[in-house]
Structure formats: structure tokens, C-alpha cells
Amino acid sequence: MRCLPVFVILLLLIASAPSVDARPKTKDDIPQASFQDNAKRILKVLESKRN
């Protein structure tokens, strides 16, 4: 029973640890925001072509 508090504390520390990307970033990685911006821009262009 003595190890139960230690186990709980370890679980809390592991859960609060910052996550690490499984794959290192490369120069080709694009932030998600730019994908959203591109999608909005493409939708605007397509919408303007329809009108």
C-alpha cells in the first residue's frame, strides 16, 4: 500500500508532461492555419467563378 501514492503521483506527472511529436518537423511541414487559409481562398475563387 505504500507504493500506491507514488504510483498515483507518477501517473499525474506522466499525464501532465508536455507531449513530444513522434516525427521531427521538416522544412516541408506547413502549419494547419495556412491549409485553412488556402481552403478559404480556393472557395472564394470558385464562388466568384460561379457568379
PDB file of N, CA and C in Angstrom:
ATOM      1  N   MET A   1       0.819  -1.219   0.000  1.00  0.00           N
ATOM      2  CA  MET A   1       0.000   0.000   0.000  1.00  0.00           C
ATOM      3  C   MET A   1       0.853   1.270   0.000  1.00  0.00           C
ATOM      4  N   ARG A   2       2.113   1.116   0.398  1.00  0.00           N
ATOM      5  CA  ARG A   2       2.967   2.304   0.421  1.00  0.00           C
ATOM      6  C   ARG A   2       3.264   2.820  -0.986  1.00  0.00           C
ATOM      7  N   CYS A   3       3.274   1.912  -1.953  1.00  0.00           N
ATOM      8  CA  CYS A   3       3.647   2.348  -3.307  1.00  0.00           C
ATOM      9  C   CYS A   3       2.468   2.968  -4.063  1.00  0.00           C
ATOM     10  N   LEU A   4       1.261   2.865  -3.529  1.00  0.00           N
ATOM     11  CA  LEU A   4       0.098   3.426  -4.229  1.00  0.00           C
ATOM     12  C   LEU A   4       0.203   4.941  -4.409  1.00  0.00           C
ATOM     13  N   PRO A   5       0.529   5.716  -3.366  1.00  0.00           N
ATOM     14  CA  PRO A   5       0.660   7.170  -3.591  1.00  0.00           C
ATOM     15  C   PRO A   5       1.762   7.512  -4.597  1.00  0.00           C
ATOM     16  N   VAL A   6       2.856   6.766  -4.565  1.00  0.00           N
ATOM     17  CA  VAL A   6       3.939   7.012  -5.518  1.00  0.00           C
ATOM     18  C   VAL A   6       3.459   6.726  -6.931  1.00  0.00           C
ATOM     19  N   PHE A   7       2.704   5.654  -7.091  1.00  0.00           N
ATOM     20  CA  PHE A   7       2.165   5.294  -8.399  1.00  0.00           C
ATOM     21  C   PHE A   7       1.223   6.385  -8.911  1.00  0.00           C
ATOM     22  N   VAL A   8       0.370   6.894  -8.042  1.00  0.00           N
ATOM     23  CA  VAL A   8      -0.574   7.953  -8.432  1.00  0.00           C
ATOM     24  C   VAL A   8       0.181   9.218  -8.827  1.00  0.00           C
ATOM     25  N   ILE A   9       1.201   9.573  -8.066  1.00  0.00           N
ATOM     26  CA  ILE A   9       1.981  10.773  -8.381  1.00  0.00           C
ATOM     27  C   ILE A   9       2.690  10.607  -9.724  1.00  0.00           C
ATOM     28  N   LEU A  10       3.234   9.418  -9.972  1.00  0.00           N
ATOM     29  CA  LEU A  10       3.884   9.178 -11.263  1.00  0.00           C
ATOM     30  C   LEU A  10       2.893   9.289 -12.414  1.00  0.00           C
ATOM     31  N   LEU A  11       1.697   8.764 -12.230  1.00  0.00           N
ATOM     32  CA  LEU A  11       0.679   8.876 -13.277  1.00  0.00           C
ATOM     33  C   LEU A  11       0.333  10.331 -13.551  1.00  0.00           C
ATOM     34  N   LEU A  12       0.207  11.125 -12.498  1.00  0.00           N
ATOM     35  CA  LEU A  12      -0.108  12.545 -12.678  1.00  0.00           C
ATOM     36  C   LEU A  12       1.028  13.272 -13.397  1.00  0.00           C
ATOM     37  N   LEU A  13       2.262  12.939 -13.063  1.00  0.00           N
ATOM     38  CA  LEU A  13       3.395  13.583 -13.723  1.00  0.00           C
ATOM     39  C   LEU A  13       3.472  13.197 -15.193  1.00  0.00           C
ATOM     40  N   ILE A  14       3.211  11.939 -15.484  1.00  0.00           N
ATOM     41  CA  ILE A  14       3.250  11.492 -16.876  1.00  0.00           C
ATOM     42  C   ILE A  14       2.141  12.167 -17.677  1.00  0.00           C
ATOM     43  N   ALA A  15       0.956  12.283 -17.084  1.00  0.00           N
ATOM     44  CA  ALA A  15      -0.178  12.892 -17.789  1.00  0.00           C
ATOM     45  C   ALA A  15       0.048  14.379 -18.040  1.00  0.00           C
ATOM     46  N   SER A  16       0.774  15.048 -17.145  1.00  0.00           N
ATOM     47  CA  SER A  16       0.969  16.490 -17.305  1.00  0.00           C
ATOM     48  C   SER A  16       2.234  16.829 -18.085  1.00  0.00           C
ATOM     49  N   ALA A  17       3.007  15.830 -18.472  1.00  0.00           N
ATOM     50  CA  ALA A  17       4.234  16.085 -19.226  1.00  0.00           C
ATOM     51  C   ALA A  17       3.887  16.614 -20.613  1.00  0.00           C
ATOM     52  N   PRO A  18       4.686  17.528 -21.129  1.00  0.00           N
ATOM     53  CA  PRO A  18       4.411  18.035 -22.478  1.00  0.00           C
ATOM     54  C   PRO A  18       4.570  16.925 -23.504  1.00  0.00           C
ATOM     55  N   SER A  19       3.684  16.930 -24.469  1.00  0.00           N
ATOM     56  CA  SER A  19       3.741  15.883 -25.487  1.00  0.00           C
ATOM     57  C   SER A  19       4.855  16.196 -26.480  1.00  0.00           C
ATOM     58  N   VAL A  20       5.437  15.161 -27.007  1.00  0.00           N
ATOM     59  CA  VAL A  20       6.527  15.296 -27.968  1.00  0.00           C
ATOM     60  C   VAL A  20       6.052  14.709 -29.284  1.00  0.00           C
ATOM     61  N   ASP A  21       6.305  15.432 -30.371  1.00  0.00           N
ATOM     62  CA  ASP A  21       5.922  14.914 -31.684  1.00  0.00           C
ATOM     63  C   ASP A  21       6.679  13.626 -31.967  1.00  0.00           C
ATOM     64  N   ALA A  22       5.976  12.656 -32.512  1.00  0.00           N
ATOM     65  CA  ALA A  22       6.617  11.387 -32.849  1.00  0.00           C
ATOM     66  C   ALA A  22       7.544  11.556 -34.044  1.00  0.00           C
ATOM     67  N   ARG A  23       7.281  12.557 -34.854  1.00  0.00           N
ATOM     68  CA  ARG A  23       8.046  12.764 -36.081  1.00  0.00           C
ATOM     69  C   ARG A  23       8.649  14.164 -36.030  1.00  0.00           C
ATOM     70  N   PRO A  24       9.934  14.299 -36.236  1.00  0.00           N
ATOM     71  CA  PRO A  24      10.538  15.636 -36.211  1.00  0.00           C
ATOM     72  C   PRO A  24      10.020  16.498 -37.364  1.00  0.00           C
ATOM     73  N   LYS A  25       9.960  17.796 -37.121  1.00  0.00           N
ATOM     74  CA  LYS A  25       9.469  18.711 -38.150  1.00  0.00           C
ATOM     75  C   LYS A  25      10.499  18.839 -39.267  1.00  0.00           C
ATOM     76  N   THR A  26       9.986  18.972 -40.456  1.00  0.00           N
ATOM     77  CA  THR A  26      10.861  19.188 -41.608  1.00  0.00           C
ATOM     78  C   THR A  26      10.523  20.537 -42.227  1.00  0.00           C
ATOM     79  N   LYS A  27      11.313  20.935 -43.206  1.00  0.00           N
ATOM     80  CA  LYS A  27      11.051  22.229 -43.849  1.00  0.00           C
ATOM     81  C   LYS A  27       9.777  22.191 -44.687  1.00  0.00           C
ATOM     82  N   ASP A  28       9.279  20.998 -45.010  1.00  0.00           N
ATOM     83  CA  ASP A  28       8.069  20.873 -45.818  1.00  0.00           C
ATOM     84  C   ASP A  28       6.788  20.953 -44.994  1.00  0.00           C
ATOM     85  N   ASP A  29       6.919  20.911 -43.657  1.00  0.00           N
ATOM     86  CA  ASP A  29       5.726  20.973 -42.814  1.00  0.00           C
ATOM     87  C   ASP A  29       5.085  22.349 -42.926  1.00  0.00           C
ATOM     88  N   ILE A  30       3.772  22.360 -43.085  1.00  0.00           N
ATOM     89  CA  ILE A  30       3.019  23.602 -43.220  1.00  0.00           C
ATOM     90  C   ILE A  30       2.055  23.687 -42.047  1.00  0.00           C
ATOM     91  N   PRO A  31       1.982  24.820 -41.370  1.00  0.00           N
ATOM     92  CA  PRO A  31       1.034  24.945 -40.264  1.00  0.00           C
ATOM     93  C   PRO A  31      -0.400  24.750 -40.736  1.00  0.00           C
ATOM     94  N   GLN A  32      -1.247  24.266 -39.830  1.00  0.00           N
ATOM     95  CA  GLN A  32      -2.642  23.989 -40.159  1.00  0.00           C
ATOM     96  C   GLN A  32      -3.366  25.261 -40.597  1.00  0.00           C
ATOM     97  N   ALA A  33      -2.987  26.401 -40.047  1.00  0.00           N
ATOM     98  CA  ALA A  33      -3.669  27.651 -40.385  1.00  0.00           C
ATOM     99  C   ALA A  33      -3.526  27.972 -41.867  1.00  0.00           C
ATOM    100  N   SER A  34      -2.386  27.689 -42.449  1.00  0.00           N
ATOM    101  CA  SER A  34      -2.220  28.018 -43.861  1.00  0.00           C
ATOM    102  C   SER A  34      -3.084  27.115 -44.737  1.00  0.00           C
ATOM    103  N   PHE A  35      -3.302  25.862 -44.305  1.00  0.00           N
ATOM    104  CA  PHE A  35      -4.220  24.993 -45.040  1.00  0.00           C
ATOM    105  C   PHE A  35      -5.631  25.580 -45.013  1.00  0.00           C
ATOM    106  N   GLN A  36      -6.039  26.081 -43.854  1.00  0.00           N
ATOM    107  CA  GLN A  36      -7.377  26.666 -43.736  1.00  0.00           C
ATOM    108  C   GLN A  36      -7.478  27.928 -44.572  1.00  0.00           C
ATOM    109  N   ASP A  37      -6.431  28.746 -44.561  1.00  0.00           N
ATOM    110  CA  ASP A  37      -6.438  29.965 -45.374  1.00  0.00           C
ATOM    111  C   ASP A  37      -6.519  29.631 -46.857  1.00  0.00           C
ATOM    112  N   ASN A  38      -5.756  28.622 -47.272  1.00  0.00           N
ATOM    113  CA  ASN A  38      -5.794  28.216 -48.678  1.00  0.00           C
ATOM    114  C   ASN A  38      -7.174  27.698 -49.057  1.00  0.00           C
ATOM    115  N   ALA A  39      -7.789  26.931 -48.173  1.00  0.00           N
ATOM    116  CA  ALA A  39      -9.121  26.390 -48.463  1.00  0.00           C
ATOM    117  C   ALA A  39     -10.133  27.523 -48.608  1.00  0.00           C
ATOM    118  N   LYS A  40     -10.062  28.515 -47.728  1.00  0.00           N
ATOM    119  CA  LYS A  40     -10.987  29.651 -47.817  1.00  0.00           C
ATOM    120  C   LYS A  40     -10.771  30.423 -49.120  1.00  0.00           C
ATOM    121  N   ARG A  41      -9.504  30.622 -49.473  1.00  0.00           N
ATOM    122  CA  ARG A  41      -9.195  31.359 -50.695  1.00  0.00           C
ATOM    123  C   ARG A  41      -9.697  30.609 -51.925  1.00  0.00           C
ATOM    124  N   ILE A  42      -9.500  29.300 -51.941  1.00  0.00           N
ATOM    125  CA  ILE A  42      -9.965  28.491 -53.080  1.00  0.00           C
ATOM    126  C   ILE A  42     -11.481  28.536 -53.180  1.00  0.00           C
ATOM    127  N   LEU A  43     -12.162  28.449 -52.044  1.00  0.00           N
ATOM    128  CA  LEU A  43     -13.629  28.517 -52.064  1.00  0.00           C
ATOM    129  C   LEU A  43     -14.106  29.864 -52.589  1.00  0.00           C
ATOM    130  N   LYS A  44     -13.432  30.944 -52.202  1.00  0.00           N
ATOM    131  CA  LYS A  44     -13.817  32.269 -52.699  1.00  0.00           C
ATOM    132  C   LYS A  44     -13.622  32.363 -54.209  1.00  0.00           C
ATOM    133  N   VAL A  45     -12.516  31.822 -54.708  1.00  0.00           N
ATOM    134  CA  VAL A  45     -12.248  31.860 -56.149  1.00  0.00           C
ATOM    135  C   VAL A  45     -13.305  31.059 -56.898  1.00  0.00           C
ATOM    136  N   LEU A  46     -13.614  29.867 -56.401  1.00  0.00           N
ATOM    137  CA  LEU A  46     -14.621  29.038 -57.062  1.00  0.00           C
ATOM    138  C   LEU A  46     -15.992  29.699 -57.026  1.00  0.00           C
ATOM    139  N   GLU A  47     -16.298  30.348 -55.909  1.00  0.00           N
ATOM    140  CA  GLU A  47     -17.593  31.015 -55.784  1.00  0.00           C
ATOM    141  C   GLU A  47     -17.676  32.206 -56.740  1.00  0.00           C
ATOM    142  N   SER A  48     -16.576  32.929 -56.897  1.00  0.00           N
ATOM    143  CA  SER A  48     -16.595  34.080 -57.804  1.00  0.00           C
ATOM    144  C   SER A  48     -16.696  33.625 -59.262  1.00  0.00           C
ATOM    145  N   LYS A  49     -16.145  32.467 -59.584  1.00  0.00           N
ATOM    146  CA  LYS A  49     -16.257  31.956 -60.950  1.00  0.00           C
ATOM    147  C   LYS A  49     -17.671  31.499 -61.266  1.00  0.00           C
ATOM    148  N   ARG A  50     -18.403  31.057 -60.252  1.00  0.00           N
ATOM    149  CA  ARG A  50     -19.784  30.604 -60.474  1.00  0.00           C
ATOM    150  C   ARG A  50     -20.705  31.780 -60.759  1.00  0.00           C
ATOM    151  N   ASN A  51     -20.383  32.954 -60.213  1.00  0.00           N
ATOM    152  CA  ASN A  51     -21.264  34.130 -60.368  1.00  0.00           C
ATOM    153  C   ASN A  51     -20.982  34.907 -61.599  1.00  0.00           C
TER     154      ASN A  51
END
